[in-house]
């Protein structure tokens, strides 16, 4: 059986992994957005976003 201090360390490790993965996903989304913006330009990029959002609804 684990002691409370060991359990707290385990939960802290899991929380830090979740935070790190969330930060990595956020950075990946930001880099993908910037890459598309540079490739397609602002006008086409905004048209693609609005068409994508319109397709969802």
C-alpha atoms as a PDB file:
ATOM      1  CA  UNK A   1       0.000   0.000   0.000  1.00  0.00           C
ATOM      2  CA  UNK A   2       1.304   3.433  -0.894  1.00  0.00           C
ATOM      3  CA  UNK A   3       1.848   6.138   1.629  1.00  0.00           C
ATOM      4  CA  UNK A   4       0.090   9.487   1.030  1.00  0.00           C
ATOM      5  CA  UNK A   5       3.382  11.244   0.216  1.00  0.00           C
ATOM      6  CA  UNK A   6       4.144   8.721  -2.527  1.00  0.00           C
ATOM      7  CA  UNK A   7       0.661   9.054  -3.951  1.00  0.00           C
ATOM      8  CA  UNK A   8       0.954  12.833  -4.035  1.00  0.00           C
ATOM      9  CA  UNK A   9       4.253  12.580  -5.921  1.00  0.00           C
ATOM     10  CA  UNK A  10       2.660  10.211  -8.432  1.00  0.00           C
ATOM     11  CA  UNK A  11      -0.265  12.554  -9.016  1.00  0.00           C
ATOM     12  CA  UNK A  12       2.118  15.494  -9.356  1.00  0.00           C
ATOM     13  CA  UNK A  13       4.089  13.586 -11.995  1.00  0.00           C
ATOM     14  CA  UNK A  14       0.931  12.799 -13.951  1.00  0.00           C
ATOM     15  CA  UNK A  15      -0.218  16.414 -13.721  1.00  0.00           C
ATOM     16  CA  UNK A  16       3.111  17.685 -15.019  1.00  0.00           C
ATOM     17  CA  UNK A  17       2.942  15.251 -17.949  1.00  0.00           C
ATOM     18  CA  UNK A  18      -0.575  16.453 -18.797  1.00  0.00           C
ATOM     19  CA  UNK A  19       0.544  20.091 -18.647  1.00  0.00           C
ATOM     20  CA  UNK A  20       3.596  19.383 -20.823  1.00  0.00           C
ATOM     21  CA  UNK A  21       1.499  17.541 -23.430  1.00  0.00           C
ATOM     22  CA  UNK A  22      -1.073  20.348 -23.481  1.00  0.00           C
ATOM     23  CA  UNK A  23       1.651  22.937 -23.958  1.00  0.00           C
ATOM     24  CA  UNK A  24       3.205  20.886 -26.768  1.00  0.00           C
ATOM     25  CA  UNK A  25      -0.178  20.584 -28.491  1.00  0.00           C
ATOM     26  CA  UNK A  26      -0.711  24.332 -28.189  1.00  0.00           C
ATOM     27  CA  UNK A  27       2.692  25.060 -29.699  1.00  0.00           C
ATOM     28  CA  UNK A  28       2.020  22.589 -32.532  1.00  0.00           C
ATOM     29  CA  UNK A  29      -1.307  24.302 -33.315  1.00  0.00           C
ATOM     30  CA  UNK A  30       0.343  27.713 -33.281  1.00  0.00           C
ATOM     31  CA  UNK A  31       3.153  26.586 -35.579  1.00  0.00           C
ATOM     32  CA  UNK A  32       0.671  24.925 -37.938  1.00  0.00           C
ATOM     33  CA  UNK A  33      -1.386  28.104 -38.051  1.00  0.00           C
ATOM     34  CA  UNK A  34       1.658  30.221 -38.823  1.00  0.00           C
ATOM     35  CA  UNK A  35       2.831  27.791 -41.511  1.00  0.00           C
ATOM     36  CA  UNK A  36      -0.565  27.849 -43.252  1.00  0.00           C
ATOM     37  CA  UNK A  37      -0.708  31.614 -42.974  1.00  0.00           C
ATOM     38  CA  UNK A  38       2.716  31.995 -44.574  1.00  0.00           C
ATOM     39  CA  UNK A  39       1.898  29.468 -47.317  1.00  0.00           C
ATOM     40  CA  UNK A  40      -1.573  30.671 -48.318  1.00  0.00           C
ATOM     41  CA  UNK A  41      -1.486  34.349 -47.331  1.00  0.00           C
ATOM     42  CA  UNK A  42      -3.946  36.179 -45.157  1.00  0.00           C
ATOM     43  CA  UNK A  43      -6.924  36.390 -47.525  1.00  0.00           C
ATOM     44  CA  UNK A  44      -6.969  32.749 -48.526  1.00  0.00           C
ATOM     45  CA  UNK A  45      -6.181  31.679 -44.968  1.00  0.00           C
ATOM     46  CA  UNK A  46      -9.184  33.542 -43.530  1.00  0.00           C
ATOM     47  CA  UNK A  47     -11.424  32.212 -46.323  1.00  0.00           C
ATOM     48  CA  UNK A  48     -10.312  28.661 -45.527  1.00  0.00           C
ATOM     49  CA  UNK A  49     -11.052  29.195 -41.825  1.00  0.00           C
ATOM     50  CA  UNK A  50     -14.492  30.673 -42.433  1.00  0.00           C
ATOM     51  CA  UNK A  51     -15.383  27.884 -44.896  1.00  0.00           C
ATOM     52  CA  UNK A  52     -14.230  25.279 -42.396  1.00  0.00           C
ATOM     53  CA  UNK A  53     -16.251  26.803 -39.588  1.00  0.00           C
ATOM     54  CA  UNK A  54     -19.309  27.130 -41.860  1.00  0.00           C
ATOM     55  CA  UNK A  55     -18.992  23.444 -42.787  1.00  0.00           C
ATOM     56  CA  UNK A  56     -19.190  22.488 -39.110  1.00  0.00           C
ATOM     57  CA  UNK A  57     -22.545  24.171 -38.644  1.00  0.00           C
END
